C-alpha atoms as a PDB file:
ATOM      1  CA  MET A   1      -2.775  20.083  -6.281  1.00  0.00           C
ATOM      2  CA  ASN A   2      -4.384  17.496  -8.510  1.00  0.00           C
ATOM      3  CA  THR A   3      -4.429  13.786  -7.809  1.00  0.00           C
ATOM      4  CA  TYR A   4      -2.919  10.861  -9.714  1.00  0.00           C
ATOM      5  CA  THR A   5      -4.877   7.618  -9.349  1.00  0.00           C
ATOM      6  CA  ASN A   6      -4.103   4.112 -10.520  1.00  0.00           C
ATOM      7  CA  ARG A   7      -5.040   0.503  -9.826  1.00  0.00           C
ATOM      8  CA  ASP A   8      -1.575  -0.961 -10.353  1.00  0.00           C
ATOM      9  CA  PHE A   9      -0.387  -2.398  -7.037  1.00  0.00           C
ATOM     10  CA  TYR A  10       3.237  -2.802  -8.165  1.00  0.00           C
ATOM     11  CA  LEU A  11       3.404   0.682  -9.680  1.00  0.00           C
ATOM     12  CA  SER A  12       2.094   2.090  -6.417  1.00  0.00           C
ATOM     13  CA  SER A  13       4.689   0.110  -4.480  1.00  0.00           C
ATOM     14  CA  TYR A  14       7.386   1.457  -6.787  1.00  0.00           C
ATOM     15  CA  LEU A  15       6.181   5.032  -6.307  1.00  0.00           C
ATOM     16  CA  ILE A  16       6.259   4.615  -2.531  1.00  0.00           C
ATOM     17  CA  ALA A  17       9.757   3.085  -2.686  1.00  0.00           C
ATOM     18  CA  ALA A  18      10.845   6.047  -4.823  1.00  0.00           C
ATOM     19  CA  GLY A  19       9.700   8.468  -2.129  1.00  0.00           C
ATOM     20  CA  ILE A  20       6.213   9.452  -3.296  1.00  0.00           C
ATOM     21  CA  GLN A  21       3.697   9.503  -0.452  1.00  0.00           C
ATOM     22  CA  LEU A  22       0.488   7.553  -0.794  1.00  0.00           C
ATOM     23  CA  LYS A  23      -2.343  10.016  -0.233  1.00  0.00           C
ATOM     24  CA  SER A  24      -5.108   7.428   0.147  1.00  0.00           C
ATOM     25  CA  TYR A  25      -6.595   4.305  -1.317  1.00  0.00           C
ATOM     26  CA  HIS A  26     -10.138   3.108  -1.934  1.00  0.00           C
ATOM     27  CA  LYS A  27     -11.552  -0.383  -2.384  1.00  0.00           C
ATOM     28  CA  THR A  28     -14.604  -0.830  -4.578  1.00  0.00           C
ATOM     29  CA  ASN A  29     -15.915  -4.273  -5.456  1.00  0.00           C
ATOM     30  CA  GLY A  30     -12.557  -5.805  -4.511  1.00  0.00           C
ATOM     31  CA  ILE A  31     -10.530  -3.422  -6.705  1.00  0.00           C
ATOM     32  CA  THR A  32      -8.138  -1.061  -4.953  1.00  0.00           C
ATOM     33  CA  THR A  33      -7.450   2.388  -6.380  1.00  0.00           C
ATOM     34  CA  PHE A  34      -4.367   4.210  -5.100  1.00  0.00           C
ATOM     35  CA  GLU A  35      -4.146   8.011  -4.934  1.00  0.00           C
ATOM     36  CA  PHE A  36      -1.031  10.188  -4.943  1.00  0.00           C
ATOM     37  CA  ASP A  37      -0.518  13.924  -5.230  1.00  0.00           C
ATOM     38  CA  ASN A  38       0.371  14.530  -8.863  1.00  0.00           C
ATOM     39  CA  SER A  39       3.692  16.172  -9.706  1.00  0.00           C
ATOM     40  CA  ASP A  40       6.284  16.289 -12.454  1.00  0.00           C
ATOM     41  CA  LYS A  41       8.443  13.902 -10.417  1.00  0.00           C
ATOM     42  CA  LEU A  42       5.583  11.425 -10.126  1.00  0.00           C
ATOM     43  CA  GLN A  43       4.861  11.604 -13.862  1.00  0.00           C
ATOM     44  CA  GLN A  44       8.542  10.962 -14.639  1.00  0.00           C
ATOM     45  CA  LEU A  45       8.568   7.953 -12.302  1.00  0.00           C
ATOM     46  CA  VAL A  46       5.417   6.561 -13.934  1.00  0.00           C
ATOM     47  CA  ASN A  47       6.939   7.015 -17.390  1.00  0.00           C
ATOM     48  CA  ASN A  48      10.130   5.283 -16.240  1.00  0.00           C
ATOM     49  CA  TYR A  49       8.114   2.416 -14.753  1.00  0.00           C
ATOM     50  CA  TYR A  50       6.085   1.720 -17.891  1.00  0.00           C
ATOM     51  CA  SER A  51       9.069   2.146 -20.226  1.00  0.00           C
ATOM     52  CA  MET A  52      11.014  -0.367 -18.092  1.00  0.00           C
ATOM     53  CA  ASN A  53      13.626   2.227 -17.156  1.00  0.00           C
ATOM     54  CA  ALA A  54      12.680   2.408 -13.474  1.00  0.00           C
ATOM     55  CA  THR A  55      15.357   2.062 -10.838  1.00  0.00           C
ATOM     56  CA  VAL A  56      14.790   1.889  -7.111  1.00  0.00           C
ATOM     57  CA  ASN A  57      16.491   0.193  -4.178  1.00  0.00           C
ATOM     58  CA  ALA A  58      15.378  -3.454  -4.175  1.00  0.00           C
ATOM     59  CA  THR A  59      15.017  -3.574  -0.395  1.00  0.00           C
ATOM     60  CA  ALA A  60      12.875  -0.426  -0.381  1.00  0.00           C
ATOM     61  CA  TYR A  61      10.682  -1.883  -3.150  1.00  0.00           C
ATOM     62  CA  GLY A  62      10.255  -5.163  -1.263  1.00  0.00           C
ATOM     63  CA  SER A  63       9.351  -3.278   1.909  1.00  0.00           C
ATOM     64  CA  ALA A  64       6.866  -1.105   0.029  1.00  0.00           C
ATOM     65  CA  ILE A  65       5.164  -4.211  -1.404  1.00  0.00           C
ATOM     66  CA  LYS A  66       4.884  -5.835   2.039  1.00  0.00           C
ATOM     67  CA  ASN A  67       3.647  -2.647   3.703  1.00  0.00           C
ATOM     68  CA  LEU A  68       1.090  -1.886   1.006  1.00  0.00           C
ATOM     69  CA  LYS A  69      -0.254  -5.460   1.101  1.00  0.00           C
ATOM     70  CA  SER A  70      -0.501  -5.282   4.859  1.00  0.00           C
ATOM     71  CA  VAL A  71      -2.455  -2.042   4.809  1.00  0.00           C
ATOM     72  CA  ILE A  72      -4.942  -2.990   2.097  1.00  0.00           C
ATOM     73  CA  HIS A  73      -5.590  -6.445   3.575  1.00  0.00           C
ATOM     74  CA  SER A  74      -5.834  -5.296   7.188  1.00  0.00           C
ATOM     75  CA  ASN A  75      -8.609  -2.869   6.210  1.00  0.00           C
ATOM     76  CA  ALA A  76     -10.456  -5.265   3.918  1.00  0.00           C
ATOM     77  CA  ASN A  77     -13.733  -4.837   5.767  1.00  0.00           C
ATOM     78  CA  THR A  78     -13.534  -1.178   6.728  1.00  0.00           C
ATOM     79  CA  LYS A  79     -14.620   1.943   4.929  1.00  0.00           C
ATOM     80  CA  SER A  80     -11.731   4.150   6.074  1.00  0.00           C
ATOM     81  CA  ASN A  81      -8.619   4.571   3.976  1.00  0.00           C
ATOM     82  CA  PHE A  82      -6.244   4.459   6.932  1.00  0.00           C
ATOM     83  CA  ARG A  83      -6.908   3.482  10.522  1.00  0.00           C
ATOM     84  CA  ASN A  84      -4.953   6.506  11.633  1.00  0.00           C
ATOM     85  CA  GLU A  85      -2.417   9.088  10.513  1.00  0.00           C
ATOM     86  CA  THR A  86       0.482   7.042  11.963  1.00  0.00           C
ATOM     87  CA  GLU A  87      -0.402   4.128   9.662  1.00  0.00           C
ATOM     88  CA  ARG A  88      -0.307   6.410   6.608  1.00  0.00           C
ATOM     89  CA  ARG A  89       3.007   7.922   7.601  1.00  0.00           C
ATOM     90  CA  SER A  90       4.642   4.548   8.262  1.00  0.00           C
ATOM     91  CA  LEU A  91       3.483   3.213   4.909  1.00  0.00           C
ATOM     92  CA  CYS A  92       4.619   6.255   3.001  1.00  0.00           C
ATOM     93  CA  ARG A  93       8.132   6.424   4.430  1.00  0.00           C
ATOM     94  CA  ILE A  94      10.399   3.681   3.218  1.00  0.00           C
ATOM     95  CA  LYS A  95      13.986   3.909   4.467  1.00  0.00           C
END
């Protein structure tokens, strides 16, 4: 499966809130790139986001923003994408 990458923090938060799992992220020179498995569903969500037709539960979106910020800032000085598999799973599942 191919990968969809972007640098848009809020788009990535939206995708997570919409149920798309974050595959990994990478920081280079202070810029974070987010990676997701590409799919038709993901492409439709991205199109909805940029055409301002996106809908998602507000609480889930807020939680996704907080969780994503927490993960990228807690690993600011490390080379690994996730400290462990549990961290990735907890970030990628918004209820």
